């Protein structure tokens, strides 16, 4: 426990918002682990070959970009219109 206290004591003075942002970043990064798991499920459980899995992953990634932009736009307009 002393090890954690020693290394994290420099962050004890930060405002609460920084901890919220750090927690959100950790949660978002953990969400990125779904892609390798999804490929395993597709190959092991569904019996798909590598080419088909690659095609599905490419389609998913092509759809992700525009939807991230759309989500950002919706959030931006929602935050600033009151």
PDB file of N, CA and C in Angstrom:
ATOM      1  N   UNK A   1       0.819  -1.192   0.000  1.00  0.00           N
ATOM      2  CA  UNK A   1       0.000   0.000   0.000  1.00  0.00           C
ATOM      3  C   UNK A   1       0.864   1.257   0.000  1.00  0.00           C
ATOM      4  N   UNK A   2       2.011   1.159   0.656  1.00  0.00           N
ATOM      5  CA  UNK A   2       2.913   2.299   0.705  1.00  0.00           C
ATOM      6  C   UNK A   2       3.434   2.630  -0.688  1.00  0.00           C
ATOM      7  N   UNK A   3       3.595   1.608  -1.525  1.00  0.00           N
ATOM      8  CA  UNK A   3       4.046   1.796  -2.899  1.00  0.00           C
ATOM      9  C   UNK A   3       3.067   2.680  -3.668  1.00  0.00           C
ATOM     10  N   UNK A   4       1.779   2.381  -3.567  1.00  0.00           N
ATOM     11  CA  UNK A   4       0.762   3.174  -4.264  1.00  0.00           C
ATOM     12  C   UNK A   4       0.699   4.594  -3.724  1.00  0.00           C
ATOM     13  N   UNK A   5       0.770   4.710  -2.414  1.00  0.00           N
ATOM     14  CA  UNK A   5       0.706   6.024  -1.780  1.00  0.00           C
ATOM     15  C   UNK A   5       1.878   6.887  -2.222  1.00  0.00           C
ATOM     16  N   UNK A   6       3.055   6.272  -2.326  1.00  0.00           N
ATOM     17  CA  UNK A   6       4.259   6.997  -2.717  1.00  0.00           C
ATOM     18  C   UNK A   6       4.143   7.516  -4.141  1.00  0.00           C
ATOM     19  N   UNK A   7       3.657   6.679  -5.063  1.00  0.00           N
ATOM     20  CA  UNK A   7       3.629   7.059  -6.468  1.00  0.00           C
ATOM     21  C   UNK A   7       2.423   7.921  -6.847  1.00  0.00           C
ATOM     22  N   UNK A   8       1.350   7.820  -6.128  1.00  0.00           N
ATOM     23  CA  UNK A   8       0.160   8.588  -6.466  1.00  0.00           C
ATOM     24  C   UNK A   8      -0.035   9.820  -5.592  1.00  0.00           C
ATOM     25  N   UNK A   9       0.863  10.065  -4.646  1.00  0.00           N
ATOM     26  CA  UNK A   9       0.714  11.230  -3.766  1.00  0.00           C
ATOM     27  C   UNK A   9       0.853  12.540  -4.539  1.00  0.00           C
ATOM     28  N   UNK A  10       1.596  12.537  -5.626  1.00  0.00           N
ATOM     29  CA  UNK A  10       1.759  13.770  -6.403  1.00  0.00           C
ATOM     30  C   UNK A  10       0.464  14.198  -7.103  1.00  0.00           C
ATOM     31  N   UNK A  11      -0.509  13.283  -7.208  1.00  0.00           N
ATOM     32  CA  UNK A  11      -1.772  13.603  -7.860  1.00  0.00           C
ATOM     33  C   UNK A  11      -2.878  13.964  -6.866  1.00  0.00           C
ATOM     34  N   UNK A  12      -2.572  13.976  -5.598  1.00  0.00           N
ATOM     35  CA  UNK A  12      -3.611  14.187  -4.585  1.00  0.00           C
ATOM     36  C   UNK A  12      -4.177  15.609  -4.581  1.00  0.00           C
ATOM     37  N   UNK A  13      -3.445  16.575  -5.104  1.00  0.00           N
ATOM     38  CA  UNK A  13      -3.909  17.968  -5.082  1.00  0.00           C
ATOM     39  C   UNK A  13      -4.752  18.352  -6.302  1.00  0.00           C
ATOM     40  N   UNK A  14      -4.912  17.455  -7.262  1.00  0.00           N
ATOM     41  CA  UNK A  14      -5.638  17.777  -8.486  1.00  0.00           C
ATOM     42  C   UNK A  14      -7.134  17.930  -8.231  1.00  0.00           C
ATOM     43  N   UNK A  15      -7.797  18.745  -9.035  1.00  0.00           N
ATOM     44  CA  UNK A  15      -9.247  18.908  -8.864  1.00  0.00           C
ATOM     45  C   UNK A  15     -10.020  17.648  -9.248  1.00  0.00           C
ATOM     46  N   UNK A  16     -11.237  17.566  -8.760  1.00  0.00           N
ATOM     47  CA  UNK A  16     -12.077  16.388  -8.977  1.00  0.00           C
ATOM     48  C   UNK A  16     -12.317  16.114 -10.466  1.00  0.00           C
ATOM     49  N   UNK A  17     -12.390  17.170 -11.266  1.00  0.00           N
ATOM     50  CA  UNK A  17     -12.653  17.017 -12.695  1.00  0.00           C
ATOM     51  C   UNK A  17     -11.573  16.208 -13.393  1.00  0.00           C
ATOM     52  N   UNK A  18     -10.348  16.345 -12.950  1.00  0.00           N
ATOM     53  CA  UNK A  18      -9.235  15.593 -13.546  1.00  0.00           C
ATOM     54  C   UNK A  18      -9.412  14.103 -13.285  1.00  0.00           C
ATOM     55  N   UNK A  19      -9.862  13.751 -12.093  1.00  0.00           N
ATOM     56  CA  UNK A  19     -10.099  12.340 -11.787  1.00  0.00           C
ATOM     57  C   UNK A  19     -11.236  11.780 -12.627  1.00  0.00           C
ATOM     58  N   UNK A  20     -12.260  12.585 -12.853  1.00  0.00           N
ATOM     59  CA  UNK A  20     -13.382  12.148 -13.691  1.00  0.00           C
ATOM     60  C   UNK A  20     -12.907  11.913 -15.121  1.00  0.00           C
ATOM     61  N   UNK A  21     -12.090  12.822 -15.650  1.00  0.00           N
ATOM     62  CA  UNK A  21     -11.560  12.661 -17.003  1.00  0.00           C
ATOM     63  C   UNK A  21     -10.657  11.431 -17.102  1.00  0.00           C
ATOM     64  N   UNK A  22      -9.842  11.208 -16.099  1.00  0.00           N
ATOM     65  CA  UNK A  22      -8.956  10.043 -16.113  1.00  0.00           C
ATOM     66  C   UNK A  22      -9.764   8.748 -16.071  1.00  0.00           C
ATOM     67  N   UNK A  23     -10.786   8.715 -15.258  1.00  0.00           N
ATOM     68  CA  UNK A  23     -11.647   7.537 -15.184  1.00  0.00           C
ATOM     69  C   UNK A  23     -12.342   7.294 -16.522  1.00  0.00           C
ATOM     70  N   UNK A  24     -12.822   8.362 -17.147  1.00  0.00           N
ATOM     71  CA  UNK A  24     -13.456   8.236 -18.458  1.00  0.00           C
ATOM     72  C   UNK A  24     -12.494   7.720 -19.507  1.00  0.00           C
ATOM     73  N   UNK A  25     -11.254   8.173 -19.469  1.00  0.00           N
ATOM     74  CA  UNK A  25     -10.241   7.703 -20.419  1.00  0.00           C
ATOM     75  C   UNK A  25      -9.957   6.218 -20.215  1.00  0.00           C
ATOM     76  N   UNK A  26      -9.900   5.785 -18.980  1.00  0.00           N
ATOM     77  CA  UNK A  26      -9.674   4.368 -18.694  1.00  0.00           C
ATOM     78  C   UNK A  26     -10.830   3.528 -19.221  1.00  0.00           C
ATOM     79  N   UNK A  27     -12.057   3.987 -18.996  1.00  0.00           N
ATOM     80  CA  UNK A  27     -13.232   3.252 -19.477  1.00  0.00           C
ATOM     81  C   UNK A  27     -13.257   3.188 -21.002  1.00  0.00           C
ATOM     82  N   UNK A  28     -12.904   4.294 -21.651  1.00  0.00           N
ATOM     83  CA  UNK A  28     -12.881   4.322 -23.115  1.00  0.00           C
ATOM     84  C   UNK A  28     -11.811   3.373 -23.648  1.00  0.00           C
ATOM     85  N   UNK A  29     -10.670   3.364 -23.010  1.00  0.00           N
ATOM     86  CA  UNK A  29      -9.598   2.470 -23.455  1.00  0.00           C
ATOM     87  C   UNK A  29      -9.975   1.010 -23.266  1.00  0.00           C
ATOM     88  N   UNK A  30     -10.695   0.712 -22.205  1.00  0.00           N
ATOM     89  CA  UNK A  30     -11.133  -0.669 -22.000  1.00  0.00           C
ATOM     90  C   UNK A  30     -12.134  -1.088 -23.072  1.00  0.00           C
ATOM     91  N   UNK A  31     -12.902  -0.138 -23.579  1.00  0.00           N
ATOM     92  CA  UNK A  31     -13.845  -0.431 -24.646  1.00  0.00           C
ATOM     93  C   UNK A  31     -13.163  -0.842 -25.932  1.00  0.00           C
ATOM     94  N   UNK A  32     -11.906  -0.428 -26.115  1.00  0.00           N
ATOM     95  CA  UNK A  32     -11.165  -0.792 -27.319  1.00  0.00           C
ATOM     96  C   UNK A  32     -10.806  -2.279 -27.329  1.00  0.00           C
ATOM     97  N   UNK A  33     -10.916  -2.937 -26.197  1.00  0.00           N
ATOM     98  CA  UNK A  33     -10.594  -4.364 -26.134  1.00  0.00           C
ATOM     99  C   UNK A  33     -11.664  -5.240 -26.780  1.00  0.00           C
ATOM    100  N   UNK A  34     -12.771  -4.650 -27.181  1.00  0.00           N
ATOM    101  CA  UNK A  34     -13.845  -5.435 -27.780  1.00  0.00           C
ATOM    102  C   UNK A  34     -13.461  -5.939 -29.166  1.00  0.00           C
ATOM    103  N   UNK A  35     -12.611  -5.217 -29.872  1.00  0.00           N
ATOM    104  CA  UNK A  35     -12.285  -5.610 -31.250  1.00  0.00           C
ATOM    105  C   UNK A  35     -11.536  -6.940 -31.317  1.00  0.00           C
ATOM    106  N   UNK A  36     -10.492  -7.160 -30.538  1.00  0.00           N
ATOM    107  CA  UNK A  36      -9.855  -8.484 -30.577  1.00  0.00           C
ATOM    108  C   UNK A  36     -10.794  -9.596 -30.106  1.00  0.00           C
ATOM    109  N   UNK A  37     -11.623  -9.283 -29.101  1.00  0.00           N
ATOM    110  CA  UNK A  37     -12.569 -10.277 -28.609  1.00  0.00           C
ATOM    111  C   UNK A  37     -13.592 -10.615 -29.689  1.00  0.00           C
ATOM    112  N   UNK A  38     -14.033  -9.608 -30.422  1.00  0.00           N
ATOM    113  CA  UNK A  38     -15.012  -9.829 -31.477  1.00  0.00           C
ATOM    114  C   UNK A  38     -14.447 -10.717 -32.585  1.00  0.00           C
ATOM    115  N   UNK A  39     -13.174 -10.528 -32.921  1.00  0.00           N
ATOM    116  CA  UNK A  39     -12.576 -11.393 -33.943  1.00  0.00           C
ATOM    117  C   UNK A  39     -12.485 -12.839 -33.456  1.00  0.00           C
ATOM    118  N   UNK A  40     -12.173 -13.016 -32.179  1.00  0.00           N
ATOM    119  CA  UNK A  40     -12.136 -14.374 -31.632  1.00  0.00           C
ATOM    120  C   UNK A  40     -13.511 -15.031 -31.648  1.00  0.00           C
ATOM    121  N   UNK A  41     -14.527 -14.276 -31.289  1.00  0.00           N
ATOM    122  CA  UNK A  41     -15.885 -14.818 -31.294  1.00  0.00           C
ATOM    123  C   UNK A  41     -16.293 -15.188 -32.710  1.00  0.00           C
ATOM    124  N   UNK A  42     -15.958 -14.327 -33.668  1.00  0.00           N
ATOM    125  CA  UNK A  42     -16.323 -14.609 -35.057  1.00  0.00           C
ATOM    126  C   UNK A  42     -15.638 -15.860 -35.582  1.00  0.00           C
ATOM    127  N   UNK A  43     -14.393 -16.050 -35.193  1.00  0.00           N
ATOM    128  CA  UNK A  43     -13.671 -17.218 -35.712  1.00  0.00           C
ATOM    129  C   UNK A  43     -14.003 -18.491 -34.941  1.00  0.00           C
ATOM    130  N   UNK A  44     -14.021 -18.420 -33.617  1.00  0.00           N
ATOM    131  CA  UNK A  44     -14.214 -19.623 -32.809  1.00  0.00           C
ATOM    132  C   UNK A  44     -15.676 -20.060 -32.717  1.00  0.00           C
ATOM    133  N   UNK A  45     -16.552 -19.126 -32.446  1.00  0.00           N
ATOM    134  CA  UNK A  45     -17.955 -19.480 -32.230  1.00  0.00           C
ATOM    135  C   UNK A  45     -18.766 -19.543 -33.528  1.00  0.00           C
ATOM    136  N   UNK A  46     -18.500 -18.578 -34.418  1.00  0.00           N
ATOM    137  CA  UNK A  46     -19.270 -18.528 -35.654  1.00  0.00           C
ATOM    138  C   UNK A  46     -18.611 -19.274 -36.806  1.00  0.00           C
ATOM    139  N   UNK A  47     -17.338 -19.603 -36.664  1.00  0.00           N
ATOM    140  CA  UNK A  47     -16.632 -20.373 -37.680  1.00  0.00           C
ATOM    141  C   UNK A  47     -16.309 -19.603 -38.950  1.00  0.00           C
ATOM    142  N   UNK A  48     -16.177 -18.285 -38.857  1.00  0.00           N
ATOM    143  CA  UNK A  48     -15.850 -17.482 -40.036  1.00  0.00           C
ATOM    144  C   UNK A  48     -14.362 -17.553 -40.329  1.00  0.00           C
ATOM    145  N   UNK A  49     -14.005 -17.415 -41.600  1.00  0.00           N
ATOM    146  CA  UNK A  49     -12.584 -17.424 -41.956  1.00  0.00           C
ATOM    147  C   UNK A  49     -12.000 -16.015 -41.828  1.00  0.00           C
ATOM    148  N   UNK A  50     -10.694 -15.903 -41.940  1.00  0.00           N
ATOM    149  CA  UNK A  50      -9.997 -14.639 -41.737  1.00  0.00           C
ATOM    150  C   UNK A  50     -10.398 -13.557 -42.713  1.00  0.00           C
ATOM    151  N   UNK A  51     -10.655 -13.937 -43.956  1.00  0.00           N
ATOM    152  CA  UNK A  51     -11.032 -12.951 -44.961  1.00  0.00           C
ATOM    153  C   UNK A  51     -12.393 -12.333 -44.643  1.00  0.00           C
ATOM    154  N   UNK A  52     -13.344 -13.143 -44.235  1.00  0.00           N
ATOM    155  CA  UNK A  52     -14.670 -12.641 -43.889  1.00  0.00           C
ATOM    156  C   UNK A  52     -14.614 -11.766 -42.641  1.00  0.00           C
ATOM    157  N   UNK A  53     -13.839 -12.198 -41.661  1.00  0.00           N
ATOM    158  CA  UNK A  53     -13.688 -11.394 -40.442  1.00  0.00           C
ATOM    159  C   UNK A  53     -13.049 -10.054 -40.776  1.00  0.00           C
ATOM    160  N   UNK A  54     -12.034 -10.069 -41.621  1.00  0.00           N
ATOM    161  CA  UNK A  54     -11.388  -8.823 -42.046  1.00  0.00           C
ATOM    162  C   UNK A  54     -12.355  -7.890 -42.754  1.00  0.00           C
ATOM    163  N   UNK A  55     -13.210  -8.462 -43.585  1.00  0.00           N
ATOM    164  CA  UNK A  55     -14.212  -7.656 -44.280  1.00  0.00           C
ATOM    165  C   UNK A  55     -15.174  -7.010 -43.285  1.00  0.00           C
ATOM    166  N   UNK A  56     -15.660  -7.798 -42.319  1.00  0.00           N
ATOM    167  CA  UNK A  56     -16.561  -7.251 -41.305  1.00  0.00           C
ATOM    168  C   UNK A  56     -15.893  -6.167 -40.466  1.00  0.00           C
ATOM    169  N   UNK A  57     -14.653  -6.386 -40.090  1.00  0.00           N
ATOM    170  CA  UNK A  57     -13.936  -5.384 -39.292  1.00  0.00           C
ATOM    171  C   UNK A  57     -13.740  -4.101 -40.093  1.00  0.00           C
ATOM    172  N   UNK A  58     -13.462  -4.229 -41.394  1.00  0.00           N
ATOM    173  CA  UNK A  58     -13.299  -3.053 -42.235  1.00  0.00           C
ATOM    174  C   UNK A  58     -14.620  -2.286 -42.334  1.00  0.00           C
ATOM    175  N   UNK A  59     -15.714  -3.000 -42.512  1.00  0.00           N
ATOM    176  CA  UNK A  59     -17.029  -2.355 -42.586  1.00  0.00           C
ATOM    177  C   UNK A  59     -17.351  -1.653 -41.267  1.00  0.00           C
ATOM    178  N   UNK A  60     -17.092  -2.323 -40.146  1.00  0.00           N
ATOM    179  CA  UNK A  60     -17.338  -1.708 -38.838  1.00  0.00           C
ATOM    180  C   UNK A  60     -16.520  -0.431 -38.682  1.00  0.00           C
ATOM    181  N   UNK A  61     -15.244  -0.486 -39.056  1.00  0.00           N
ATOM    182  CA  UNK A  61     -14.388   0.688 -38.874  1.00  0.00           C
ATOM    183  C   UNK A  61     -14.784   1.822 -39.809  1.00  0.00           C
ATOM    184  N   UNK A  62     -15.269   1.502 -41.011  1.00  0.00           N
ATOM    185  CA  UNK A  62     -15.725   2.554 -41.916  1.00  0.00           C
ATOM    186  C   UNK A  62     -16.972   3.257 -41.379  1.00  0.00           C
ATOM    187  N   UNK A  63     -17.829   2.513 -40.694  1.00  0.00           N
ATOM    188  CA  UNK A  63     -19.021   3.120 -40.107  1.00  0.00           C
ATOM    189  C   UNK A  63     -18.711   3.884 -38.830  1.00  0.00           C
ATOM    190  N   UNK A  64     -17.668   3.490 -38.119  1.00  0.00           N
ATOM    191  CA  UNK A  64     -17.361   4.127 -36.838  1.00  0.00           C
ATOM    192  C   UNK A  64     -16.994   5.595 -36.995  1.00  0.00           C
ATOM    193  N   UNK A  65     -16.179   5.920 -37.983  1.00  0.00           N
ATOM    194  CA  UNK A  65     -15.716   7.295 -38.172  1.00  0.00           C
ATOM    195  C   UNK A  65     -16.851   8.293 -38.313  1.00  0.00           C
ATOM    196  N   UNK A  66     -17.744   8.098 -39.293  1.00  0.00           N
ATOM    197  CA  UNK A  66     -18.857   9.047 -39.430  1.00  0.00           C
ATOM    198  C   UNK A  66     -19.755   9.109 -38.193  1.00  0.00           C
ATOM    199  N   UNK A  67     -19.962   7.970 -37.527  1.00  0.00           N
ATOM    200  CA  UNK A  67     -20.824   7.993 -36.353  1.00  0.00           C
ATOM    201  C   UNK A  67     -20.152   8.683 -35.167  1.00  0.00           C
ATOM    202  N   UNK A  68     -18.826   8.593 -35.056  1.00  0.00           N
ATOM    203  CA  UNK A  68     -18.120   9.365 -34.031  1.00  0.00           C
ATOM    204  C   UNK A  68     -18.289  10.860 -34.302  1.00  0.00           C
ATOM    205  N   UNK A  69     -18.139  11.250 -35.565  1.00  0.00           N
ATOM    206  CA  UNK A  69     -18.309  12.659 -35.917  1.00  0.00           C
ATOM    207  C   UNK A  69     -19.743  13.121 -35.656  1.00  0.00           C
ATOM    208  N   UNK A  70     -20.705  12.296 -36.013  1.00  0.00           N
ATOM    209  CA  UNK A  70     -22.111  12.636 -35.770  1.00  0.00           C
ATOM    210  C   UNK A  70     -22.399  12.753 -34.275  1.00  0.00           C
ATOM    211  N   UNK A  71     -21.869  11.829 -33.494  1.00  0.00           N
ATOM    212  CA  UNK A  71     -22.052  11.893 -32.042  1.00  0.00           C
ATOM    213  C   UNK A  71     -21.432  13.140 -31.447  1.00  0.00           C
ATOM    214  N   UNK A  72     -20.257  13.529 -31.934  1.00  0.00           N
ATOM    215  CA  UNK A  72     -19.626  14.757 -31.469  1.00  0.00           C
ATOM    216  C   UNK A  72     -20.438  15.980 -31.828  1.00  0.00           C
ATOM    217  N   UNK A  73     -20.984  15.989 -33.033  1.00  0.00           N
ATOM    218  CA  UNK A  73     -21.819  17.112 -33.467  1.00  0.00           C
ATOM    219  C   UNK A  73     -23.080  17.215 -32.616  1.00  0.00           C
ATOM    220  N   UNK A  74     -23.720  16.089 -32.368  1.00  0.00           N
ATOM    221  CA  UNK A  74     -24.933  16.086 -31.548  1.00  0.00           C
ATOM    222  C   UNK A  74     -24.617  16.570 -30.141  1.00  0.00           C
ATOM    223  N   UNK A  75     -23.533  16.083 -29.559  1.00  0.00           N
ATOM    224  CA  UNK A  75     -23.165  16.494 -28.208  1.00  0.00           C
ATOM    225  C   UNK A  75     -22.803  17.974 -28.164  1.00  0.00           C
ATOM    226  N   UNK A  76     -22.091  18.448 -29.189  1.00  0.00           N
ATOM    227  CA  UNK A  76     -21.689  19.852 -29.229  1.00  0.00           C
ATOM    228  C   UNK A  76     -22.914  20.754 -29.292  1.00  0.00           C
ATOM    229  N   UNK A  77     -23.859  20.432 -30.148  1.00  0.00           N
ATOM    230  CA  UNK A  77     -25.055  21.269 -30.259  1.00  0.00           C
ATOM    231  C   UNK A  77     -25.927  21.142 -29.017  1.00  0.00           C
ATOM    232  N   UNK A  78     -25.934  19.988 -28.405  1.00  0.00           N
ATOM    233  CA  UNK A  78     -26.732  19.802 -27.190  1.00  0.00           C
ATOM    234  C   UNK A  78     -26.166  20.587 -26.020  1.00  0.00           C
ATOM    235  N   UNK A  79     -24.837  20.655 -25.917  1.00  0.00           N
ATOM    236  CA  UNK A  79     -24.203  21.363 -24.805  1.00  0.00           C
ATOM    237  C   UNK A  79     -24.380  22.873 -24.897  1.00  0.00           C
ATOM    238  N   UNK A  80     -24.376  23.417 -26.097  1.00  0.00           N
ATOM    239  CA  UNK A  80     -24.314  24.861 -26.236  1.00  0.00           C
ATOM    240  C   UNK A  80     -25.635  25.514 -26.625  1.00  0.00           C
ATOM    241  N   UNK A  81     -26.714  24.743 -26.714  1.00  0.00           N
ATOM    242  CA  UNK A  81     -27.989  25.380 -27.041  1.00  0.00           C
ATOM    243  C   UNK A  81     -28.835  25.620 -25.801  1.00  0.00           C
ATOM    244  N   UNK A  82     -28.377  25.177 -24.668  1.00  0.00           N
ATOM    245  CA  UNK A  82     -29.024  25.502 -23.416  1.00  0.00           C
ATOM    246  C   UNK A  82     -30.129  24.617 -23.062  1.00  0.00           C
TER     247      UNK A  82
END
